[in-house]
Each structure stands twice: as C-alpha cells, then as structure tokens.
Amino acid sequence: MKIKPYIGGGIGVARVSANDIRINGTKLVDDSDVVFAYQAIGGLGYDLTQNLTAFVEYRYFATLDPTFNATGGGEYESQFMSHNAMLGLRYHF
C-alpha cells in the first residue's frame, strides 16, 4: 500500500517562558516554568520510492498551566497549546 495513515502521542515535560512581558513600558513578567506536556499526532504518508515517503501531519501540543512570578510580587497563571501542520519528506535507511 502506498498510502499509510498513522497516529501517535506523547507525554513529557516542557519549559515554558514568558520573556520580558511589559505593559506601558513596565515589566510584569520575565520568568519560566517547567510543566507536564502532552501531544497527539496524526498524519498520512505516501511512498514515493522504497526509501522516500512524502507526508502531511497534524500535531496538537499542550501543557498544564504554567505559573510565572511577577516582578513586583505575586504570580500569573497562563496557558500554552499549539496546533501545527507539517508537510515533508522522510528518507528511510
């Protein structure tokens, strides 16, 4: 079969940064947090040759809510997630 669908997933940790966040020139946050992360992957591969596959892929990546320390005291809770679409070639050895 030349067309091969696939799915995948993963769990781990991610370092999320809020770098130099300012409002009206006043720095509010410049911090990072390490939080639990997870992703889901789905795609289709098409065999161009025995060793070369073209693919289109979608990935959803998210973390638990990171918390950042404010420069003037206190904390800010945030969210992080991304949706990624990829198109590429894979060479199999």
PDB file of N, CA and C in Angstrom:
ATOM      1  N   MET A   1       0.847  -1.179   0.000  1.00  0.00           N
ATOM      2  CA  MET A   1       0.000   0.000   0.000  1.00  0.00           C
ATOM      3  C   MET A   1       0.891   1.240   0.000  1.00  0.00           C
ATOM      4  N   LYS A   2       0.611   2.179  -0.887  1.00  0.00           N
ATOM      5  CA  LYS A   2       1.431   3.387  -0.975  1.00  0.00           C
ATOM      6  C   LYS A   2       1.045   4.440   0.065  1.00  0.00           C
ATOM      7  N   ILE A   3      -0.233   4.511   0.434  1.00  0.00           N
ATOM      8  CA  ILE A   3      -0.685   5.491   1.432  1.00  0.00           C
ATOM      9  C   ILE A   3      -0.751   4.814   2.792  1.00  0.00           C
ATOM     10  N   LYS A   4      -0.096   5.447   3.787  1.00  0.00           N
ATOM     11  CA  LYS A   4      -0.036   4.874   5.128  1.00  0.00           C
ATOM     12  C   LYS A   4      -0.481   5.900   6.164  1.00  0.00           C
ATOM     13  N   PRO A   5      -1.667   5.743   6.745  1.00  0.00           N
ATOM     14  CA  PRO A   5      -2.075   6.629   7.833  1.00  0.00           C
ATOM     15  C   PRO A   5      -1.353   6.254   9.122  1.00  0.00           C
ATOM     16  N   TYR A   6      -1.161   7.211   9.997  1.00  0.00           N
ATOM     17  CA  TYR A   6      -0.535   6.927  11.285  1.00  0.00           C
ATOM     18  C   TYR A   6      -1.056   7.879  12.349  1.00  0.00           C
ATOM     19  N   ILE A   7      -0.981   7.422  13.589  1.00  0.00           N
ATOM     20  CA  ILE A   7      -1.320   8.245  14.744  1.00  0.00           C
ATOM     21  C   ILE A   7      -0.233   8.054  15.781  1.00  0.00           C
ATOM     22  N   GLY A   8      -0.131   8.995  16.681  1.00  0.00           N
ATOM     23  CA  GLY A   8       0.855   8.890  17.743  1.00  0.00           C
ATOM     24  C   GLY A   8       0.519   9.828  18.874  1.00  0.00           C
ATOM     25  N   GLY A   9       1.295   9.766  19.899  1.00  0.00           N
ATOM     26  CA  GLY A   9       1.100  10.642  21.043  1.00  0.00           C
ATOM     27  C   GLY A   9       2.321  10.611  21.923  1.00  0.00           C
ATOM     28  N   GLY A  10       2.339  11.485  22.885  1.00  0.00           N
ATOM     29  CA  GLY A  10       3.472  11.516  23.784  1.00  0.00           C
ATOM     30  C   GLY A  10       3.179  12.322  25.027  1.00  0.00           C
ATOM     31  N   ILE A  11       3.949  12.042  26.075  1.00  0.00           N
ATOM     32  CA  ILE A  11       3.887  12.816  27.307  1.00  0.00           C
ATOM     33  C   ILE A  11       5.312  13.142  27.728  1.00  0.00           C
ATOM     34  N   GLY A  12       5.453  14.199  28.484  1.00  0.00           N
ATOM     35  CA  GLY A  12       6.778  14.592  28.963  1.00  0.00           C
ATOM     36  C   GLY A  12       6.688  15.886  29.740  1.00  0.00           C
ATOM     37  N   VAL A  13       7.745  16.665  29.686  1.00  0.00           N
ATOM     38  CA  VAL A  13       7.778  17.979  30.330  1.00  0.00           C
ATOM     39  C   VAL A  13       8.222  19.009  29.308  1.00  0.00           C
ATOM     40  N   ALA A  14       7.823  20.257  29.541  1.00  0.00           N
ATOM     41  CA  ALA A  14       8.212  21.366  28.668  1.00  0.00           C
ATOM     42  C   ALA A  14       8.577  22.569  29.530  1.00  0.00           C
ATOM     43  N   ARG A  15       9.545  23.309  29.066  1.00  0.00           N
ATOM     44  CA  ARG A  15       9.907  24.571  29.715  1.00  0.00           C
ATOM     45  C   ARG A  15       9.204  25.679  28.948  1.00  0.00           C
ATOM     46  N   VAL A  16       8.302  26.381  29.618  1.00  0.00           N
ATOM     47  CA  VAL A  16       7.521  27.459  29.005  1.00  0.00           C
ATOM     48  C   VAL A  16       8.041  28.774  29.565  1.00  0.00           C
ATOM     49  N   SER A  17       8.339  29.720  28.675  1.00  0.00           N
ATOM     50  CA  SER A  17       8.901  31.005  29.094  1.00  0.00           C
ATOM     51  C   SER A  17       7.965  32.158  28.769  1.00  0.00           C
ATOM     52  N   ALA A  18       7.927  33.128  29.666  1.00  0.00           N
ATOM     53  CA  ALA A  18       7.253  34.412  29.432  1.00  0.00           C
ATOM     54  C   ALA A  18       8.363  35.452  29.551  1.00  0.00           C
ATOM     55  N   ASN A  19       8.919  35.847  28.414  1.00  0.00           N
ATOM     56  CA  ASN A  19      10.098  36.701  28.408  1.00  0.00           C
ATOM     57  C   ASN A  19       9.744  38.172  28.235  1.00  0.00           C
ATOM     58  N   ASP A  20      10.144  38.983  29.200  1.00  0.00           N
ATOM     59  CA  ASP A  20      10.064  40.442  29.115  1.00  0.00           C
ATOM     60  C   ASP A  20       8.656  40.922  28.752  1.00  0.00           C
ATOM     61  N   ILE A  21       7.647  40.441  29.471  1.00  0.00           N
ATOM     62  CA  ILE A  21       6.261  40.863  29.248  1.00  0.00           C
ATOM     63  C   ILE A  21       6.071  42.222  29.917  1.00  0.00           C
ATOM     64  N   ARG A  22       5.652  43.209  29.109  1.00  0.00           N
ATOM     65  CA  ARG A  22       5.516  44.582  29.604  1.00  0.00           C
ATOM     66  C   ARG A  22       4.149  45.149  29.254  1.00  0.00           C
ATOM     67  N   ILE A  23       3.692  46.078  30.097  1.00  0.00           N
ATOM     68  CA  ILE A  23       2.509  46.883  29.793  1.00  0.00           C
ATOM     69  C   ILE A  23       2.903  48.332  30.035  1.00  0.00           C
ATOM     70  N   ASN A  24       2.742  49.166  29.006  1.00  0.00           N
ATOM     71  CA  ASN A  24       3.123  50.585  29.073  1.00  0.00           C
ATOM     72  C   ASN A  24       4.546  50.769  29.574  1.00  0.00           C
ATOM     73  N   GLY A  25       5.458  49.904  29.128  1.00  0.00           N
ATOM     74  CA  GLY A  25       6.867  50.021  29.479  1.00  0.00           C
ATOM     75  C   GLY A  25       7.246  49.426  30.826  1.00  0.00           C
ATOM     76  N   THR A  26       6.276  48.991  31.596  1.00  0.00           N
ATOM     77  CA  THR A  26       6.562  48.396  32.908  1.00  0.00           C
ATOM     78  C   THR A  26       6.633  46.881  32.776  1.00  0.00           C
ATOM     79  N   LYS A  27       7.758  46.308  33.195  1.00  0.00           N
ATOM     80  CA  LYS A  27       7.935  44.865  33.107  1.00  0.00           C
ATOM     81  C   LYS A  27       7.067  44.183  34.156  1.00  0.00           C
ATOM     82  N   LEU A  28       6.210  43.249  33.691  1.00  0.00           N
ATOM     83  CA  LEU A  28       5.366  42.479  34.599  1.00  0.00           C
ATOM     84  C   LEU A  28       5.944  41.108  34.890  1.00  0.00           C
ATOM     85  N   VAL A  29       6.425  40.438  33.833  1.00  0.00           N
ATOM     86  CA  VAL A  29       6.893  39.059  33.979  1.00  0.00           C
ATOM     87  C   VAL A  29       8.115  38.830  33.104  1.00  0.00           C
ATOM     88  N   ASP A  30       9.095  38.132  33.660  1.00  0.00           N
ATOM     89  CA  ASP A  30      10.252  37.625  32.922  1.00  0.00           C
ATOM     90  C   ASP A  30      10.681  36.353  33.649  1.00  0.00           C
ATOM     91  N   ASP A  31       9.992  35.240  33.341  1.00  0.00           N
ATOM     92  CA  ASP A  31      10.158  34.025  34.116  1.00  0.00           C
ATOM     93  C   ASP A  31       9.891  32.811  33.229  1.00  0.00           C
ATOM     94  N   SER A  32      10.155  31.634  33.754  1.00  0.00           N
ATOM     95  CA  SER A  32       9.838  30.391  33.043  1.00  0.00           C
ATOM     96  C   SER A  32       9.353  29.359  34.055  1.00  0.00           C
ATOM     97  N   ASP A  33       8.721  28.301  33.542  1.00  0.00           N
ATOM     98  CA  ASP A  33       8.211  27.236  34.391  1.00  0.00           C
ATOM     99  C   ASP A  33       8.356  25.919  33.637  1.00  0.00           C
ATOM    100  N   VAL A  34       8.610  24.844  34.355  1.00  0.00           N
ATOM    101  CA  VAL A  34       8.676  23.502  33.773  1.00  0.00           C
ATOM    102  C   VAL A  34       7.399  22.781  34.186  1.00  0.00           C
ATOM    103  N   VAL A  35       6.628  22.339  33.174  1.00  0.00           N
ATOM    104  CA  VAL A  35       5.320  21.737  33.430  1.00  0.00           C
ATOM    105  C   VAL A  35       5.138  20.464  32.605  1.00  0.00           C
ATOM    106  N   PHE A  36       4.184  19.655  32.995  1.00  0.00           N
ATOM    107  CA  PHE A  36       3.808  18.444  32.277  1.00  0.00           C
ATOM    108  C   PHE A  36       3.291  18.835  30.887  1.00  0.00           C
ATOM    109  N   ALA A  37       3.699  18.070  29.854  1.00  0.00           N
ATOM    110  CA  ALA A  37       3.288  18.346  28.477  1.00  0.00           C
ATOM    111  C   ALA A  37       2.793  17.072  27.807  1.00  0.00           C
ATOM    112  N   TYR A  38       1.937  17.229  26.811  1.00  0.00           N
ATOM    113  CA  TYR A  38       1.402  16.092  26.067  1.00  0.00           C
ATOM    114  C   TYR A  38       1.124  16.501  24.633  1.00  0.00           C
ATOM    115  N   GLN A  39       1.084  15.514  23.733  1.00  0.00           N
ATOM    116  CA  GLN A  39       0.795  15.802  22.340  1.00  0.00           C
ATOM    117  C   GLN A  39       0.058  14.639  21.690  1.00  0.00           C
ATOM    118  N   ALA A  40      -0.682  14.978  20.645  1.00  0.00           N
ATOM    119  CA  ALA A  40      -1.366  13.990  19.807  1.00  0.00           C
ATOM    120  C   ALA A  40      -0.949  14.257  18.368  1.00  0.00           C
ATOM    121  N   ILE A  41      -0.704  13.191  17.607  1.00  0.00           N
ATOM    122  CA  ILE A  41      -0.180  13.302  16.243  1.00  0.00           C
ATOM    123  C   ILE A  41      -1.021  12.435  15.320  1.00  0.00           C
ATOM    124  N   GLY A  42      -1.295  12.937  14.137  1.00  0.00           N
ATOM    125  CA  GLY A  42      -1.973  12.153  13.109  1.00  0.00           C
ATOM    126  C   GLY A  42      -1.478  12.577  11.746  1.00  0.00           C
ATOM    127  N   GLY A  43      -1.374  11.639  10.822  1.00  0.00           N
ATOM    128  CA  GLY A  43      -0.882  12.012   9.504  1.00  0.00           C
ATOM    129  C   GLY A  43      -1.073  10.921   8.474  1.00  0.00           C
ATOM    130  N   LEU A  44      -0.678  11.272   7.266  1.00  0.00           N
ATOM    131  CA  LEU A  44      -0.684  10.344   6.135  1.00  0.00           C
ATOM    132  C   LEU A  44       0.680  10.380   5.474  1.00  0.00           C
ATOM    133  N   GLY A  45       1.217   9.196   5.186  1.00  0.00           N
ATOM    134  CA  GLY A  45       2.458   9.078   4.436  1.00  0.00           C
ATOM    135  C   GLY A  45       2.163   8.466   3.076  1.00  0.00           C
ATOM    136  N   TYR A  46       2.914   8.895   2.055  1.00  0.00           N
ATOM    137  CA  TYR A  46       2.761   8.350   0.700  1.00  0.00           C
ATOM    138  C   TYR A  46       4.135   7.930   0.209  1.00  0.00           C
ATOM    139  N   ASP A  47       4.305   6.633  -0.072  1.00  0.00           N
ATOM    140  CA  ASP A  47       5.600   6.120  -0.522  1.00  0.00           C
ATOM    141  C   ASP A  47       5.899   6.561  -1.950  1.00  0.00           C
ATOM    142  N   LEU A  48       6.901   7.413  -2.097  1.00  0.00           N
ATOM    143  CA  LEU A  48       7.343   7.849  -3.426  1.00  0.00           C
ATOM    144  C   LEU A  48       8.276   6.808  -4.037  1.00  0.00           C
ATOM    145  N   THR A  49       9.170   6.268  -3.217  1.00  0.00           N
ATOM    146  CA  THR A  49      10.062   5.168  -3.591  1.00  0.00           C
ATOM    147  C   THR A  49      10.128   4.231  -2.389  1.00  0.00           C
ATOM    148  N   GLN A  50      10.945   3.204  -2.469  1.00  0.00           N
ATOM    149  CA  GLN A  50      11.098   2.279  -1.351  1.00  0.00           C
ATOM    150  C   GLN A  50      11.674   2.980  -0.121  1.00  0.00           C
ATOM    151  N   ASN A  51      12.489   4.000  -0.331  1.00  0.00           N
ATOM    152  CA  ASN A  51      13.161   4.677   0.780  1.00  0.00           C
ATOM    153  C   ASN A  51      12.666   6.102   1.038  1.00  0.00           C
ATOM    154  N   LEU A  52      11.769   6.632   0.226  1.00  0.00           N
ATOM    155  CA  LEU A  52      11.355   8.036   0.352  1.00  0.00           C
ATOM    156  C   LEU A  52       9.836   8.123   0.493  1.00  0.00           C
ATOM    157  N   THR A  53       9.400   8.795   1.561  1.00  0.00           N
ATOM    158  CA  THR A  53       7.977   8.964   1.849  1.00  0.00           C
ATOM    159  C   THR A  53       7.652  10.437   2.000  1.00  0.00           C
ATOM    160  N   ALA A  54       6.634  10.901   1.285  1.00  0.00           N
ATOM    161  CA  ALA A  54       6.098  12.246   1.486  1.00  0.00           C
ATOM    162  C   ALA A  54       5.026  12.133   2.568  1.00  0.00           C
ATOM    163  N   PHE A  55       4.907  13.161   3.419  1.00  0.00           N
ATOM    164  CA  PHE A  55       3.908  13.081   4.484  1.00  0.00           C
ATOM    165  C   PHE A  55       3.259  14.433   4.742  1.00  0.00           C
ATOM    166  N   VAL A  56       2.044  14.356   5.244  1.00  0.00           N
ATOM    167  CA  VAL A  56       1.340  15.512   5.778  1.00  0.00           C
ATOM    168  C   VAL A  56       0.928  15.114   7.198  1.00  0.00           C
ATOM    169  N   GLU A  57       1.133  16.042   8.152  1.00  0.00           N
ATOM    170  CA  GLU A  57       0.963  15.682   9.553  1.00  0.00           C
ATOM    171  C   GLU A  57       0.350  16.835  10.331  1.00  0.00           C
ATOM    172  N   TYR A  58      -0.437  16.487  11.324  1.00  0.00           N
ATOM    173  CA  TYR A  58      -1.008  17.455  12.264  1.00  0.00           C
ATOM    174  C   TYR A  58      -0.564  17.071  13.672  1.00  0.00           C
ATOM    175  N   ARG A  59      -0.174  18.081  14.465  1.00  0.00           N
ATOM    176  CA  ARG A  59       0.203  17.850  15.859  1.00  0.00           C
ATOM    177  C   ARG A  59      -0.490  18.870  16.750  1.00  0.00           C
ATOM    178  N   TYR A  60      -1.072  18.354  17.821  1.00  0.00           N
ATOM    179  CA  TYR A  60      -1.615  19.199  18.885  1.00  0.00           C
ATOM    180  C   TYR A  60      -0.684  19.027  20.080  1.00  0.00           C
ATOM    181  N   PHE A  61      -0.155  20.134  20.594  1.00  0.00           N
ATOM    182  CA  PHE A  61       0.767  20.102  21.718  1.00  0.00           C
ATOM    183  C   PHE A  61       0.218  21.035  22.788  1.00  0.00           C
ATOM    184  N   ALA A  62       0.215  20.584  24.046  1.00  0.00           N
ATOM    185  CA  ALA A  62      -0.282  21.423  25.141  1.00  0.00           C
ATOM    186  C   ALA A  62       0.451  21.075  26.425  1.00  0.00           C
ATOM    187  N   THR A  63       0.330  21.980  27.396  1.00  0.00           N
ATOM    188  CA  THR A  63       0.927  21.768  28.710  1.00  0.00           C
ATOM    189  C   THR A  63      -0.123  22.038  29.777  1.00  0.00           C
ATOM    190  N   LEU A  64       0.166  21.583  30.999  1.00  0.00           N
ATOM    191  CA  LEU A  64      -0.612  22.059  32.130  1.00  0.00           C
ATOM    192  C   LEU A  64      -0.300  23.540  32.294  1.00  0.00           C
ATOM    193  N   ASP A  65      -1.107  24.252  33.043  1.00  0.00           N
ATOM    194  CA  ASP A  65      -0.971  25.711  33.142  1.00  0.00           C
ATOM    195  C   ASP A  65       0.315  26.117  33.850  1.00  0.00           C
ATOM    196  N   PRO A  66       1.235  26.790  33.129  1.00  0.00           N
ATOM    197  CA  PRO A  66       2.446  27.286  33.785  1.00  0.00           C
ATOM    198  C   PRO A  66       2.136  28.496  34.672  1.00  0.00           C
ATOM    199  N   THR A  67       2.917  28.661  35.718  1.00  0.00           N
ATOM    200  CA  THR A  67       2.772  29.806  36.622  1.00  0.00           C
ATOM    201  C   THR A  67       4.069  30.604  36.578  1.00  0.00           C
ATOM    202  N   PHE A  68       3.929  31.918  36.438  1.00  0.00           N
ATOM    203  CA  PHE A  68       5.088  32.809  36.348  1.00  0.00           C
ATOM    204  C   PHE A  68       5.077  33.792  37.505  1.00  0.00           C
ATOM    205  N   ASN A  69       6.258  34.029  38.089  1.00  0.00           N
ATOM    206  CA  ASN A  69       6.397  35.012  39.163  1.00  0.00           C
ATOM    207  C   ASN A  69       6.445  36.408  38.566  1.00  0.00           C
ATOM    208  N   ALA A  70       5.644  37.295  39.121  1.00  0.00           N
ATOM    209  CA  ALA A  70       5.617  38.689  38.682  1.00  0.00           C
ATOM    210  C   ALA A  70       6.818  39.423  39.268  1.00  0.00           C
ATOM    211  N   THR A  71       7.317  40.414  38.536  1.00  0.00           N
ATOM    212  CA  THR A  71       8.492  41.158  39.011  1.00  0.00           C
ATOM    213  C   THR A  71       8.164  41.982  40.254  1.00  0.00           C
ATOM    214  N   GLY A  72       6.912  42.409  40.419  1.00  0.00           N
ATOM    215  CA  GLY A  72       6.532  43.193  41.599  1.00  0.00           C
ATOM    216  C   GLY A  72       5.919  42.359  42.690  1.00  0.00           C
ATOM    217  N   GLY A  73       5.994  41.048  42.587  1.00  0.00           N
ATOM    218  CA  GLY A  73       5.373  40.160  43.568  1.00  0.00           C
ATOM    219  C   GLY A  73       4.105  39.541  42.999  1.00  0.00           C
ATOM    220  N   GLY A  74       3.721  38.437  43.517  1.00  0.00           N
ATOM    221  CA  GLY A  74       2.534  37.738  43.034  1.00  0.00           C
ATOM    222  C   GLY A  74       2.881  36.782  41.903  1.00  0.00           C
ATOM    223  N   GLU A  75       1.838  36.141  41.381  1.00  0.00           N
ATOM    224  CA  GLU A  75       2.020  35.156  40.318  1.00  0.00           C
ATOM    225  C   GLU A  75       0.978  35.350  39.225  1.00  0.00           C
ATOM    226  N   TYR A  76       1.343  34.919  38.025  1.00  0.00           N
ATOM    227  CA  TYR A  76       0.424  34.885  36.891  1.00  0.00           C
ATOM    228  C   TYR A  76       0.331  33.450  36.406  1.00  0.00           C
ATOM    229  N   GLU A  77      -0.893  32.965  36.231  1.00  0.00           N
ATOM    230  CA  GLU A  77      -1.099  31.640  35.649  1.00  0.00           C
ATOM    231  C   GLU A  77      -1.434  31.827  34.179  1.00  0.00           C
ATOM    232  N   SER A  78      -0.908  30.953  33.341  1.00  0.00           N
ATOM    233  CA  SER A  78      -1.073  31.092  31.896  1.00  0.00           C
ATOM    234  C   SER A  78      -1.534  29.768  31.304  1.00  0.00           C
ATOM    235  N   GLN A  79      -1.642  29.732  29.978  1.00  0.00           N
ATOM    236  CA  GLN A  79      -1.956  28.516  29.242  1.00  0.00           C
ATOM    237  C   GLN A  79      -1.017  28.430  28.056  1.00  0.00           C
ATOM    238  N   PHE A  80      -0.694  27.193  27.646  1.00  0.00           N
ATOM    239  CA  PHE A  80       0.101  27.018  26.433  1.00  0.00           C
ATOM    240  C   PHE A  80      -0.425  25.828  25.659  1.00  0.00           C
ATOM    241  N   MET A  81      -0.700  26.057  24.363  1.00  0.00           N
ATOM    242  CA  MET A  81      -1.065  24.988  23.435  1.00  0.00           C
ATOM    243  C   MET A  81      -0.711  25.450  22.034  1.00  0.00           C
ATOM    244  N   SER A  82      -0.483  24.487  21.143  1.00  0.00           N
ATOM    245  CA  SER A  82      -0.208  24.850  19.753  1.00  0.00           C
ATOM    246  C   SER A  82      -0.802  23.804  18.818  1.00  0.00           C
ATOM    247  N   HIS A  83      -1.170  24.271  17.647  1.00  0.00           N
ATOM    248  CA  HIS A  83      -1.654  23.426  16.553  1.00  0.00           C
ATOM    249  C   HIS A  83      -0.637  23.569  15.420  1.00  0.00           C
ATOM    250  N   ASN A  84      -0.087  22.454  14.942  1.00  0.00           N
ATOM    251  CA  ASN A  84       0.952  22.511  13.916  1.00  0.00           C
ATOM    252  C   ASN A  84       0.596  21.599  12.758  1.00  0.00           C
ATOM    253  N   ALA A  85       0.707  22.121  11.555  1.00  0.00           N
ATOM    254  CA  ALA A  85       0.539  21.320  10.339  1.00  0.00           C
ATOM    255  C   ALA A  85       1.889  21.259   9.646  1.00  0.00           C
ATOM    256  N   MET A  86       2.282  20.055   9.215  1.00  0.00           N
ATOM    257  CA  MET A  86       3.584  19.869   8.582  1.00  0.00           C
ATOM    258  C   MET A  86       3.440  19.107   7.277  1.00  0.00           C
ATOM    259  N   LEU A  87       4.291  19.448   6.358  1.00  0.00           N
ATOM    260  CA  LEU A  87       4.393  18.761   5.073  1.00  0.00           C
ATOM    261  C   LEU A  87       5.869  18.493   4.870  1.00  0.00           C
ATOM    262  N   GLY A  88       6.234  17.255   4.537  1.00  0.00           N
ATOM    263  CA  GLY A  88       7.660  16.970   4.433  1.00  0.00           C
ATOM    264  C   GLY A  88       7.974  15.674   3.716  1.00  0.00           C
ATOM    265  N   LEU A  89       9.268  15.359   3.707  1.00  0.00           N
ATOM    266  CA  LEU A  89       9.799  14.128   3.121  1.00  0.00           C
ATOM    267  C   LEU A  89      10.587  13.385   4.180  1.00  0.00           C
ATOM    268  N   ARG A  90      10.465  12.058   4.179  1.00  0.00           N
ATOM    269  CA  ARG A  90      11.237  11.184   5.071  1.00  0.00           C
ATOM    270  C   ARG A  90      12.045  10.227   4.240  1.00  0.00           C
ATOM    271  N   TYR A  91      13.323  10.124   4.574  1.00  0.00           N
ATOM    272  CA  TYR A  91      14.179   9.147   3.908  1.00  0.00           C
ATOM    273  C   TYR A  91      14.425   7.999   4.872  1.00  0.00           C
ATOM    274  N   HIS A  92      14.140   6.762   4.454  1.00  0.00           N
ATOM    275  CA  HIS A  92      14.313   5.576   5.286  1.00  0.00           C
ATOM    276  C   HIS A  92      15.601   4.872   4.903  1.00  0.00           C
ATOM    277  N   PHE A  93      16.473   4.624   5.876  1.00  0.00           N
ATOM    278  CA  PHE A  93      17.734   3.930   5.616  1.00  0.00           C
ATOM    279  C   PHE A  93      17.527   2.440   5.559  1.00  0.00           C
TER     280      PHE A  93
END
